[in-house]
């Protein structure tokens, strides 16, 4: 592993063939920058699924600032990961309340 990598977090914008993705960076170092990223080796071997909207950790080299590799996918409710501006907040689904009982007809 090389030591001169830049670690960032981002949100997957688009999926392309061959495990390639367009990722919008949300880290402070490169806010709003878009990268073309591919899945790292362990992510491919373990068949980790990545979909648009997923938060990921990525690495990029200082020599090519347009490409990177995805090394980790954050789980949707992971603590410490705040919602990015413009993204949908994760809200646990709640079951709807039961319907109110209808009034019984009066027989007179």
PDB file of N, CA and C in Angstrom:
ATOM      1  N   UNK A   1       0.836  -1.182   0.000  1.00  0.00           N
ATOM      2  CA  UNK A   1       0.000   0.000   0.000  1.00  0.00           C
ATOM      3  C   UNK A   1       0.880   1.244   0.000  1.00  0.00           C
ATOM      4  N   UNK A   2       0.508   2.206  -0.789  1.00  0.00           N
ATOM      5  CA  UNK A   2       1.268   3.446  -0.816  1.00  0.00           C
ATOM      6  C   UNK A   2       0.817   4.345   0.325  1.00  0.00           C
ATOM      7  N   UNK A   3       1.708   5.160   0.777  1.00  0.00           N
ATOM      8  CA  UNK A   3       1.411   6.024   1.912  1.00  0.00           C
ATOM      9  C   UNK A   3       0.935   7.399   1.485  1.00  0.00           C
ATOM     10  N   UNK A   4       1.083   7.738   0.219  1.00  0.00           N
ATOM     11  CA  UNK A   4       0.707   9.072  -0.230  1.00  0.00           C
ATOM     12  C   UNK A   4      -0.674   9.069  -0.870  1.00  0.00           C
ATOM     13  N   UNK A   5      -1.689   8.679  -0.084  1.00  0.00           N
ATOM     14  CA  UNK A   5      -3.066   8.717  -0.562  1.00  0.00           C
ATOM     15  C   UNK A   5      -3.838   9.744   0.246  1.00  0.00           C
ATOM     16  N   UNK A   6      -4.871  10.277  -0.359  1.00  0.00           N
ATOM     17  CA  UNK A   6      -5.753  11.231   0.296  1.00  0.00           C
ATOM     18  C   UNK A   6      -7.059  10.502   0.566  1.00  0.00           C
ATOM     19  N   UNK A   7      -7.480  10.438   1.823  1.00  0.00           N
ATOM     20  CA  UNK A   7      -8.731   9.768   2.174  1.00  0.00           C
ATOM     21  C   UNK A   7      -9.843  10.800   2.270  1.00  0.00           C
ATOM     22  N   UNK A   8     -10.950  10.517   1.595  1.00  0.00           N
ATOM     23  CA  UNK A   8     -12.103  11.415   1.554  1.00  0.00           C
ATOM     24  C   UNK A   8     -13.371  10.619   1.762  1.00  0.00           C
ATOM     25  N   UNK A   9     -14.462  11.309   2.022  1.00  0.00           N
ATOM     26  CA  UNK A   9     -15.780  10.678   2.025  1.00  0.00           C
ATOM     27  C   UNK A   9     -16.611  11.338   0.939  1.00  0.00           C
ATOM     28  N   UNK A  10     -17.584  10.591   0.434  1.00  0.00           N
ATOM     29  CA  UNK A  10     -18.417  11.130  -0.628  1.00  0.00           C
ATOM     30  C   UNK A  10     -19.704  10.362  -0.778  1.00  0.00           C
ATOM     31  N   UNK A  11     -20.508  10.802  -1.727  1.00  0.00           N
ATOM     32  CA  UNK A  11     -21.791  10.175  -2.022  1.00  0.00           C
ATOM     33  C   UNK A  11     -21.770   9.742  -3.476  1.00  0.00           C
ATOM     34  N   UNK A  12     -22.184   8.496  -3.717  1.00  0.00           N
ATOM     35  CA  UNK A  12     -22.210   7.956  -5.070  1.00  0.00           C
ATOM     36  C   UNK A  12     -23.322   8.642  -5.852  1.00  0.00           C
ATOM     37  N   UNK A  13     -22.978   9.194  -6.995  1.00  0.00           N
ATOM     38  CA  UNK A  13     -23.934   9.893  -7.850  1.00  0.00           C
ATOM     39  C   UNK A  13     -24.470   8.997  -8.960  1.00  0.00           C
ATOM     40  N   UNK A  14     -23.568   8.227  -9.600  1.00  0.00           N
ATOM     41  CA  UNK A  14     -23.926   7.457 -10.791  1.00  0.00           C
ATOM     42  C   UNK A  14     -23.171   6.141 -10.792  1.00  0.00           C
ATOM     43  N   UNK A  15     -23.789   5.100 -11.363  1.00  0.00           N
ATOM     44  CA  UNK A  15     -23.140   3.801 -11.514  1.00  0.00           C
ATOM     45  C   UNK A  15     -22.836   3.559 -12.986  1.00  0.00           C
ATOM     46  N   UNK A  16     -21.638   3.050 -13.260  1.00  0.00           N
ATOM     47  CA  UNK A  16     -21.217   2.701 -14.605  1.00  0.00           C
ATOM     48  C   UNK A  16     -20.837   1.226 -14.627  1.00  0.00           C
ATOM     49  N   UNK A  17     -20.639   0.646 -15.811  1.00  0.00           N
ATOM     50  CA  UNK A  17     -20.210  -0.759 -15.869  1.00  0.00           C
ATOM     51  C   UNK A  17     -18.822  -0.961 -15.267  1.00  0.00           C
ATOM     52  N   UNK A  18     -18.514  -2.231 -14.997  1.00  0.00           N
ATOM     53  CA  UNK A  18     -17.201  -2.645 -14.476  1.00  0.00           C
ATOM     54  C   UNK A  18     -16.885  -2.035 -13.116  1.00  0.00           C
ATOM     55  N   UNK A  19     -17.874  -1.943 -12.240  1.00  0.00           N
ATOM     56  CA  UNK A  19     -17.684  -1.473 -10.863  1.00  0.00           C
ATOM     57  C   UNK A  19     -17.041  -0.089 -10.825  1.00  0.00           C
ATOM     58  N   UNK A  20     -17.526   0.800 -11.682  1.00  0.00           N
ATOM     59  CA  UNK A  20     -17.050   2.177 -11.731  1.00  0.00           C
ATOM     60  C   UNK A  20     -18.194   3.102 -11.342  1.00  0.00           C
ATOM     61  N   UNK A  21     -17.868   4.161 -10.617  1.00  0.00           N
ATOM     62  CA  UNK A  21     -18.895   5.053 -10.080  1.00  0.00           C
ATOM     63  C   UNK A  21     -18.433   6.496 -10.170  1.00  0.00           C
ATOM     64  N   UNK A  22     -19.398   7.414 -10.308  1.00  0.00           N
ATOM     65  CA  UNK A  22     -19.105   8.840 -10.189  1.00  0.00           C
ATOM     66  C   UNK A  22     -19.493   9.232  -8.765  1.00  0.00           C
ATOM     67  N   UNK A  23     -18.535   9.797  -8.029  1.00  0.00           N
ATOM     68  CA  UNK A  23     -18.726  10.115  -6.614  1.00  0.00           C
ATOM     69  C   UNK A  23     -18.520  11.606  -6.404  1.00  0.00           C
ATOM     70  N   UNK A  24     -19.459  12.230  -5.678  1.00  0.00           N
ATOM     71  CA  UNK A  24     -19.333  13.644  -5.290  1.00  0.00           C
ATOM     72  C   UNK A  24     -18.735  13.687  -3.889  1.00  0.00           C
ATOM     73  N   UNK A  25     -17.619  14.368  -3.731  1.00  0.00           N
ATOM     74  CA  UNK A  25     -16.890  14.415  -2.465  1.00  0.00           C
ATOM     75  C   UNK A  25     -17.615  15.346  -1.500  1.00  0.00           C
ATOM     76  N   UNK A  26     -17.759  14.887  -0.237  1.00  0.00           N
ATOM     77  CA  UNK A  26     -18.401  15.709   0.788  1.00  0.00           C
ATOM     78  C   UNK A  26     -17.416  16.120   1.878  1.00  0.00           C
ATOM     79  N   UNK A  27     -16.172  15.672   1.799  1.00  0.00           N
ATOM     80  CA  UNK A  27     -15.153  16.057   2.784  1.00  0.00           C
ATOM     81  C   UNK A  27     -14.789  17.522   2.597  1.00  0.00           C
ATOM     82  N   UNK A  28     -14.279  18.113   3.666  1.00  0.00           N
ATOM     83  CA  UNK A  28     -13.939  19.535   3.624  1.00  0.00           C
ATOM     84  C   UNK A  28     -12.762  19.825   2.696  1.00  0.00           C
ATOM     85  N   UNK A  29     -11.866  18.844   2.495  1.00  0.00           N
ATOM     86  CA  UNK A  29     -10.674  19.084   1.678  1.00  0.00           C
ATOM     87  C   UNK A  29     -11.024  19.361   0.230  1.00  0.00           C
ATOM     88  N   UNK A  30     -12.064  18.713  -0.302  1.00  0.00           N
ATOM     89  CA  UNK A  30     -12.415  18.853  -1.722  1.00  0.00           C
ATOM     90  C   UNK A  30     -13.922  18.899  -1.887  1.00  0.00           C
ATOM     91  N   UNK A  31     -14.576  19.750  -1.141  1.00  0.00           N
ATOM     92  CA  UNK A  31     -16.046  19.849  -1.132  1.00  0.00           C
ATOM     93  C   UNK A  31     -16.609  20.031  -2.539  1.00  0.00           C
ATOM     94  N   UNK A  32     -17.511  19.135  -2.959  1.00  0.00           N
ATOM     95  CA  UNK A  32     -18.195  19.266  -4.232  1.00  0.00           C
ATOM     96  C   UNK A  32     -17.424  18.739  -5.438  1.00  0.00           C
ATOM     97  N   UNK A  33     -16.193  18.303  -5.250  1.00  0.00           N
ATOM     98  CA  UNK A  33     -15.386  17.765  -6.351  1.00  0.00           C
ATOM     99  C   UNK A  33     -15.957  16.417  -6.776  1.00  0.00           C
ATOM    100  N   UNK A  34     -15.949  16.120  -8.081  1.00  0.00           N
ATOM    101  CA  UNK A  34     -16.459  14.835  -8.561  1.00  0.00           C
ATOM    102  C   UNK A  34     -15.311  13.977  -9.054  1.00  0.00           C
ATOM    103  N   UNK A  35     -15.346  12.697  -8.677  1.00  0.00           N
ATOM    104  CA  UNK A  35     -14.304  11.759  -9.050  1.00  0.00           C
ATOM    105  C   UNK A  35     -14.910  10.568  -9.773  1.00  0.00           C
ATOM    106  N   UNK A  36     -14.114   9.938 -10.617  1.00  0.00           N
ATOM    107  CA  UNK A  36     -14.483   8.672 -11.225  1.00  0.00           C
ATOM    108  C   UNK A  36     -13.764   7.602 -10.421  1.00  0.00           C
ATOM    109  N   UNK A  37     -14.531   6.742  -9.722  1.00  0.00           N
ATOM    110  CA  UNK A  37     -13.939   5.791  -8.782  1.00  0.00           C
ATOM    111  C   UNK A  37     -14.269   4.362  -9.176  1.00  0.00           C
ATOM    112  N   UNK A  38     -13.366   3.461  -8.834  1.00  0.00           N
ATOM    113  CA  UNK A  38     -13.628   2.034  -9.007  1.00  0.00           C
ATOM    114  C   UNK A  38     -13.558   1.364  -7.635  1.00  0.00           C
ATOM    115  N   UNK A  39     -14.113   0.154  -7.542  1.00  0.00           N
ATOM    116  CA  UNK A  39     -14.106  -0.565  -6.280  1.00  0.00           C
ATOM    117  C   UNK A  39     -12.726  -1.126  -5.987  1.00  0.00           C
ATOM    118  N   UNK A  40     -12.299  -1.030  -4.735  1.00  0.00           N
ATOM    119  CA  UNK A  40     -11.026  -1.600  -4.322  1.00  0.00           C
ATOM    120  C   UNK A  40     -11.138  -3.124  -4.312  1.00  0.00           C
ATOM    121  N   UNK A  41     -10.013  -3.802  -4.247  1.00  0.00           N
ATOM    122  CA  UNK A  41      -9.962  -5.255  -4.355  1.00  0.00           C
ATOM    123  C   UNK A  41     -10.837  -6.013  -3.376  1.00  0.00           C
ATOM    124  N   UNK A  42     -10.791  -5.669  -2.097  1.00  0.00           N
ATOM    125  CA  UNK A  42     -11.584  -6.397  -1.107  1.00  0.00           C
ATOM    126  C   UNK A  42     -13.073  -6.157  -1.289  1.00  0.00           C
ATOM    127  N   UNK A  43     -13.431  -4.984  -1.779  1.00  0.00           N
ATOM    128  CA  UNK A  43     -14.846  -4.699  -2.024  1.00  0.00           C
ATOM    129  C   UNK A  43     -15.346  -5.568  -3.181  1.00  0.00           C
ATOM    130  N   UNK A  44     -14.510  -5.770  -4.193  1.00  0.00           N
ATOM    131  CA  UNK A  44     -14.887  -6.638  -5.312  1.00  0.00           C
ATOM    132  C   UNK A  44     -14.966  -8.093  -4.871  1.00  0.00           C
ATOM    133  N   UNK A  45     -13.968  -8.552  -4.115  1.00  0.00           N
ATOM    134  CA  UNK A  45     -13.907  -9.948  -3.696  1.00  0.00           C
ATOM    135  C   UNK A  45     -15.112 -10.291  -2.824  1.00  0.00           C
ATOM    136  N   UNK A  46     -15.478  -9.406  -1.912  1.00  0.00           N
ATOM    137  CA  UNK A  46     -16.606  -9.648  -1.011  1.00  0.00           C
ATOM    138  C   UNK A  46     -17.941  -9.245  -1.614  1.00  0.00           C
ATOM    139  N   UNK A  47     -17.925  -8.791  -2.850  1.00  0.00           N
ATOM    140  CA  UNK A  47     -19.131  -8.420  -3.597  1.00  0.00           C
ATOM    141  C   UNK A  47     -20.014  -7.432  -2.832  1.00  0.00           C
ATOM    142  N   UNK A  48     -19.411  -6.368  -2.380  1.00  0.00           N
ATOM    143  CA  UNK A  48     -20.154  -5.310  -1.690  1.00  0.00           C
ATOM    144  C   UNK A  48     -20.924  -4.522  -2.742  1.00  0.00           C
ATOM    145  N   UNK A  49     -22.224  -4.389  -2.541  1.00  0.00           N
ATOM    146  CA  UNK A  49     -23.077  -3.685  -3.494  1.00  0.00           C
ATOM    147  C   UNK A  49     -23.068  -2.194  -3.192  1.00  0.00           C
ATOM    148  N   UNK A  50     -22.901  -1.406  -4.235  1.00  0.00           N
ATOM    149  CA  UNK A  50     -22.913   0.054  -4.121  1.00  0.00           C
ATOM    150  C   UNK A  50     -24.016   0.576  -5.022  1.00  0.00           C
ATOM    151  N   UNK A  51     -24.846   1.459  -4.487  1.00  0.00           N
ATOM    152  CA  UNK A  51     -25.939   2.062  -5.241  1.00  0.00           C
ATOM    153  C   UNK A  51     -25.829   3.579  -5.167  1.00  0.00           C
ATOM    154  N   UNK A  52     -26.437   4.289  -6.121  1.00  0.00           N
ATOM    155  CA  UNK A  52     -26.444   5.751  -6.030  1.00  0.00           C
ATOM    156  C   UNK A  52     -27.074   6.206  -4.713  1.00  0.00           C
ATOM    157  N   UNK A  53     -26.446   7.167  -4.070  1.00  0.00           N
ATOM    158  CA  UNK A  53     -26.921   7.670  -2.789  1.00  0.00           C
ATOM    159  C   UNK A  53     -26.163   7.101  -1.608  1.00  0.00           C
ATOM    160  N   UNK A  54     -25.347   6.063  -1.807  1.00  0.00           N
ATOM    161  CA  UNK A  54     -24.564   5.477  -0.716  1.00  0.00           C
ATOM    162  C   UNK A  54     -23.415   6.401  -0.336  1.00  0.00           C
ATOM    163  N   UNK A  55     -23.118   6.452   0.968  1.00  0.00           N
ATOM    164  CA  UNK A  55     -21.966   7.207   1.466  1.00  0.00           C
ATOM    165  C   UNK A  55     -20.780   6.258   1.486  1.00  0.00           C
ATOM    166  N   UNK A  56     -19.662   6.692   0.937  1.00  0.00           N
ATOM    167  CA  UNK A  56     -18.490   5.835   0.814  1.00  0.00           C
ATOM    168  C   UNK A  56     -17.230   6.572   1.266  1.00  0.00           C
ATOM    169  N   UNK A  57     -16.221   5.780   1.660  1.00  0.00           N
ATOM    170  CA  UNK A  57     -14.896   6.327   1.928  1.00  0.00           C
ATOM    171  C   UNK A  57     -14.054   6.005   0.707  1.00  0.00           C
ATOM    172  N   UNK A  58     -13.308   6.975   0.213  1.00  0.00           N
ATOM    173  CA  UNK A  58     -12.512   6.741  -0.973  1.00  0.00           C
ATOM    174  C   UNK A  58     -11.109   7.266  -0.783  1.00  0.00           C
ATOM    175  N   UNK A  59     -10.216   6.712  -1.584  1.00  0.00           N
ATOM    176  CA  UNK A  59      -8.827   7.127  -1.586  1.00  0.00           C
ATOM    177  C   UNK A  59      -8.483   7.654  -2.964  1.00  0.00           C
ATOM    178  N   UNK A  60      -7.681   8.685  -2.995  1.00  0.00           N
ATOM    179  CA  UNK A  60      -7.195   9.197  -4.270  1.00  0.00           C
ATOM    180  C   UNK A  60      -5.726   9.555  -4.121  1.00  0.00           C
ATOM    181  N   UNK A  61      -5.026   9.517  -5.215  1.00  0.00           N
ATOM    182  CA  UNK A  61      -3.610   9.842  -5.216  1.00  0.00           C
ATOM    183  C   UNK A  61      -3.434  11.320  -5.556  1.00  0.00           C
ATOM    184  N   UNK A  62      -2.412  11.963  -5.032  1.00  0.00           N
ATOM    185  CA  UNK A  62      -2.199  13.369  -5.368  1.00  0.00           C
ATOM    186  C   UNK A  62      -1.747  13.582  -6.814  1.00  0.00           C
ATOM    187  N   UNK A  63      -1.435  12.488  -7.523  1.00  0.00           N
ATOM    188  CA  UNK A  63      -0.948  12.613  -8.893  1.00  0.00           C
ATOM    189  C   UNK A  63      -2.071  12.701  -9.916  1.00  0.00           C
ATOM    190  N   UNK A  64      -3.247  12.128  -9.616  1.00  0.00           N
ATOM    191  CA  UNK A  64      -4.394  12.213 -10.522  1.00  0.00           C
ATOM    192  C   UNK A  64      -5.614  12.570  -9.689  1.00  0.00           C
ATOM    193  N   UNK A  65      -6.058  13.807  -9.765  1.00  0.00           N
ATOM    194  CA  UNK A  65      -7.124  14.306  -8.906  1.00  0.00           C
ATOM    195  C   UNK A  65      -8.514  14.059  -9.468  1.00  0.00           C
ATOM    196  N   UNK A  66      -8.630  13.296 -10.551  1.00  0.00           N
ATOM    197  CA  UNK A  66      -9.941  13.000 -11.128  1.00  0.00           C
ATOM    198  C   UNK A  66     -10.362  11.561 -10.934  1.00  0.00           C
ATOM    199  N   UNK A  67      -9.480  10.712 -10.401  1.00  0.00           N
ATOM    200  CA  UNK A  67      -9.788   9.298 -10.218  1.00  0.00           C
ATOM    201  C   UNK A  67      -9.532   8.891  -8.786  1.00  0.00           C
ATOM    202  N   UNK A  68     -10.254   7.853  -8.347  1.00  0.00           N
ATOM    203  CA  UNK A  68     -10.070   7.357  -6.994  1.00  0.00           C
ATOM    204  C   UNK A  68     -10.529   5.921  -6.899  1.00  0.00           C
ATOM    205  N   UNK A  69     -10.463   5.378  -5.682  1.00  0.00           N
ATOM    206  CA  UNK A  69     -10.962   4.031  -5.462  1.00  0.00           C
ATOM    207  C   UNK A  69     -11.783   3.992  -4.190  1.00  0.00           C
ATOM    208  N   UNK A  70     -12.887   3.271  -4.233  1.00  0.00           N
ATOM    209  CA  UNK A  70     -13.793   3.155  -3.096  1.00  0.00           C
ATOM    210  C   UNK A  70     -13.266   2.036  -2.210  1.00  0.00           C
ATOM    211  N   UNK A  71     -13.029   2.352  -0.925  1.00  0.00           N
ATOM    212  CA  UNK A  71     -12.475   1.360  -0.012  1.00  0.00           C
ATOM    213  C   UNK A  71     -13.453   0.948   1.081  1.00  0.00           C
ATOM    214  N   UNK A  72     -14.563   1.680   1.260  1.00  0.00           N
ATOM    215  CA  UNK A  72     -15.510   1.346   2.326  1.00  0.00           C
ATOM    216  C   UNK A  72     -16.861   1.966   2.013  1.00  0.00           C
ATOM    217  N   UNK A  73     -17.939   1.232   2.328  1.00  0.00           N
ATOM    218  CA  UNK A  73     -19.299   1.765   2.205  1.00  0.00           C
ATOM    219  C   UNK A  73     -19.876   1.882   3.603  1.00  0.00           C
ATOM    220  N   UNK A  74     -20.274   3.092   3.977  1.00  0.00           N
ATOM    221  CA  UNK A  74     -20.862   3.304   5.294  1.00  0.00           C
ATOM    222  C   UNK A  74     -22.278   2.750   5.322  1.00  0.00           C
ATOM    223  N   UNK A  75     -22.654   2.149   6.453  1.00  0.00           N
ATOM    224  CA  UNK A  75     -24.024   1.668   6.584  1.00  0.00           C
ATOM    225  C   UNK A  75     -24.943   2.870   6.730  1.00  0.00           C
ATOM    226  N   UNK A  76     -26.205   2.750   6.300  1.00  0.00           N
ATOM    227  CA  UNK A  76     -27.102   3.913   6.284  1.00  0.00           C
ATOM    228  C   UNK A  76     -27.284   4.598   7.632  1.00  0.00           C
ATOM    229  N   UNK A  77     -27.298   3.868   8.733  1.00  0.00           N
ATOM    230  CA  UNK A  77     -27.534   4.495  10.031  1.00  0.00           C
ATOM    231  C   UNK A  77     -26.291   4.563  10.883  1.00  0.00           C
ATOM    232  N   UNK A  78     -25.096   4.633  10.279  1.00  0.00           N
ATOM    233  CA  UNK A  78     -23.872   4.601  11.072  1.00  0.00           C
ATOM    234  C   UNK A  78     -23.732   5.887  11.882  1.00  0.00           C
ATOM    235  N   UNK A  79     -23.363   5.765  13.166  1.00  0.00           N
ATOM    236  CA  UNK A  79     -23.188   6.958  13.994  1.00  0.00           C
ATOM    237  C   UNK A  79     -21.967   7.733  13.555  1.00  0.00           C
ATOM    238  N   UNK A  80     -22.021   9.034  13.733  1.00  0.00           N
ATOM    239  CA  UNK A  80     -20.898   9.873  13.362  1.00  0.00           C
ATOM    240  C   UNK A  80     -20.959  10.369  11.930  1.00  0.00           C
ATOM    241  N   UNK A  81     -21.814   9.785  11.117  1.00  0.00           N
ATOM    242  CA  UNK A  81     -21.953  10.235   9.733  1.00  0.00           C
ATOM    243  C   UNK A  81     -23.176  11.135   9.671  1.00  0.00           C
ATOM    244  N   UNK A  82     -22.957  12.393   9.471  1.00  0.00           N
ATOM    245  CA  UNK A  82     -24.061  13.333   9.383  1.00  0.00           C
ATOM    246  C   UNK A  82     -24.568  13.369   7.952  1.00  0.00           C
ATOM    247  N   UNK A  83     -25.805  13.781   7.783  1.00  0.00           N
ATOM    248  CA  UNK A  83     -26.385  13.861   6.439  1.00  0.00           C
ATOM    249  C   UNK A  83     -25.709  14.969   5.656  1.00  0.00           C
ATOM    250  N   UNK A  84     -25.403  14.687   4.419  1.00  0.00           N
ATOM    251  CA  UNK A  84     -24.779  15.681   3.559  1.00  0.00           C
ATOM    252  C   UNK A  84     -25.820  16.687   3.115  1.00  0.00           C
ATOM    253  N   UNK A  85     -25.420  17.930   2.835  1.00  0.00           N
ATOM    254  CA  UNK A  85     -26.390  18.906   2.371  1.00  0.00           C
ATOM    255  C   UNK A  85     -27.018  18.458   1.058  1.00  0.00           C
ATOM    256  N   UNK A  86     -28.318  18.495   1.008  1.00  0.00           N
ATOM    257  CA  UNK A  86     -29.026  18.113  -0.206  1.00  0.00           C
ATOM    258  C   UNK A  86     -29.381  16.638  -0.268  1.00  0.00           C
ATOM    259  N   UNK A  87     -28.963  15.854   0.721  1.00  0.00           N
ATOM    260  CA  UNK A  87     -29.301  14.436   0.691  1.00  0.00           C
ATOM    261  C   UNK A  87     -30.517  14.186   1.580  1.00  0.00           C
ATOM    262  N   UNK A  88     -31.159  13.072   1.333  1.00  0.00           N
ATOM    263  CA  UNK A  88     -32.335  12.722   2.105  1.00  0.00           C
ATOM    264  C   UNK A  88     -31.908  12.182   3.466  1.00  0.00           C
ATOM    265  N   UNK A  89     -32.523  12.637   4.567  1.00  0.00           N
ATOM    266  CA  UNK A  89     -32.167  12.091   5.865  1.00  0.00           C
ATOM    267  C   UNK A  89     -32.699  10.671   5.998  1.00  0.00           C
ATOM    268  N   UNK A  90     -31.985   9.867   6.767  1.00  0.00           N
ATOM    269  CA  UNK A  90     -32.408   8.491   6.997  1.00  0.00           C
ATOM    270  C   UNK A  90     -33.403   8.503   8.145  1.00  0.00           C
ATOM    271  N   UNK A  91     -34.638   8.117   7.870  1.00  0.00           N
ATOM    272  CA  UNK A  91     -35.689   8.098   8.870  1.00  0.00           C
ATOM    273  C   UNK A  91     -36.186   6.670   8.993  1.00  0.00           C
ATOM    274  N   UNK A  92     -36.195   6.110  10.214  1.00  0.00           N
ATOM    275  CA  UNK A  92     -36.699   4.750  10.339  1.00  0.00           C
ATOM    276  C   UNK A  92     -38.173   4.698   9.975  1.00  0.00           C
ATOM    277  N   UNK A  93     -38.539   3.658   9.257  1.00  0.00           N
ATOM    278  CA  UNK A  93     -39.934   3.561   8.825  1.00  0.00           C
ATOM    279  C   UNK A  93     -40.809   3.172  10.010  1.00  0.00           C
ATOM    280  N   UNK A  94     -41.897   3.876  10.155  1.00  0.00           N
ATOM    281  CA  UNK A  94     -42.845   3.602  11.229  1.00  0.00           C
ATOM    282  C   UNK A  94     -44.121   3.061  10.610  1.00  0.00           C
ATOM    283  N   UNK A  95     -44.714   2.104  11.298  1.00  0.00           N
ATOM    284  CA  UNK A  95     -45.958   1.554  10.773  1.00  0.00           C
ATOM    285  C   UNK A  95     -47.074   2.574  10.985  1.00  0.00           C
ATOM    286  N   UNK A  96     -48.019   2.646  10.060  1.00  0.00           N
ATOM    287  CA  UNK A  96     -49.106   3.616  10.211  1.00  0.00           C
ATOM    288  C   UNK A  96     -49.982   3.244  11.402  1.00  0.00           C
ATOM    289  N   UNK A  97     -50.612   4.242  12.016  1.00  0.00           N
ATOM    290  CA  UNK A  97     -51.471   3.935  13.170  1.00  0.00           C
ATOM    291  C   UNK A  97     -52.666   3.093  12.716  1.00  0.00           C
ATOM    292  N   UNK A  98     -53.179   2.269  13.624  1.00  0.00           N
ATOM    293  CA  UNK A  98     -54.330   1.439  13.248  1.00  0.00           C
ATOM    294  C   UNK A  98     -55.548   2.322  12.972  1.00  0.00           C
ATOM    295  N   UNK A  99     -56.424   1.880  12.068  1.00  0.00           N
ATOM    296  CA  UNK A  99     -57.591   2.701  11.761  1.00  0.00           C
ATOM    297  C   UNK A  99     -58.512   2.831  12.977  1.00  0.00           C
ATOM    298  N   UNK A 100     -59.141   3.985  13.078  1.00  0.00           N
ATOM    299  CA  UNK A 100     -60.054   4.235  14.194  1.00  0.00           C
ATOM    300  C   UNK A 100     -61.312   3.381  14.015  1.00  0.00           C
ATOM    301  N   UNK A 101     -61.845   2.831  15.108  1.00  0.00           N
ATOM    302  CA  UNK A 101     -63.057   2.007  14.976  1.00  0.00           C
ATOM    303  C   UNK A 101     -64.244   2.873  14.551  1.00  0.00           C
ATOM    304  N   UNK A 102     -65.047   2.320  13.663  1.00  0.00           N
ATOM    305  CA  UNK A 102     -66.222   3.072  13.223  1.00  0.00           C
ATOM    306  C   UNK A 102     -67.313   2.984  14.281  1.00  0.00           C
ATOM    307  N   UNK A 103     -68.121   4.043  14.402  1.00  0.00           N
ATOM    308  CA  UNK A 103     -69.176   4.018  15.444  1.00  0.00           C
ATOM    309  C   UNK A 103     -70.224   2.943  15.105  1.00  0.00           C
ATOM    310  N   UNK A 104     -70.659   2.248  16.124  1.00  0.00           N
ATOM    311  CA  UNK A 104     -71.654   1.190  15.940  1.00  0.00           C
ATOM    312  C   UNK A 104     -73.035   1.824  15.690  1.00  0.00           C
ATOM    313  N   UNK A 105     -73.798   1.260  14.760  1.00  0.00           N
ATOM    314  CA  UNK A 105     -75.133   1.821  14.520  1.00  0.00           C
ATOM    315  C   UNK A 105     -76.053   1.533  15.712  1.00  0.00           C
ATOM    316  N   UNK A 106     -76.905   2.504  15.997  1.00  0.00           N
ATOM    317  CA  UNK A 106     -77.863   2.354  17.108  1.00  0.00           C
ATOM    318  C   UNK A 106     -79.144   1.741  16.582  1.00  0.00           C
ATOM    319  N   UNK A 107     -79.574   0.722  17.239  1.00  0.00           N
ATOM    320  CA  UNK A 107     -80.838   0.096  16.884  1.00  0.00           C
ATOM    321  C   UNK A 107     -81.890   0.600  17.863  1.00  0.00           C
ATOM    322  N   UNK A 108     -82.941   1.215  17.360  1.00  0.00           N
ATOM    323  CA  UNK A 108     -83.973   1.742  18.231  1.00  0.00           C
ATOM    324  C   UNK A 108     -85.277   1.039  18.043  1.00  0.00           C
TER     325      UNK A 108
END
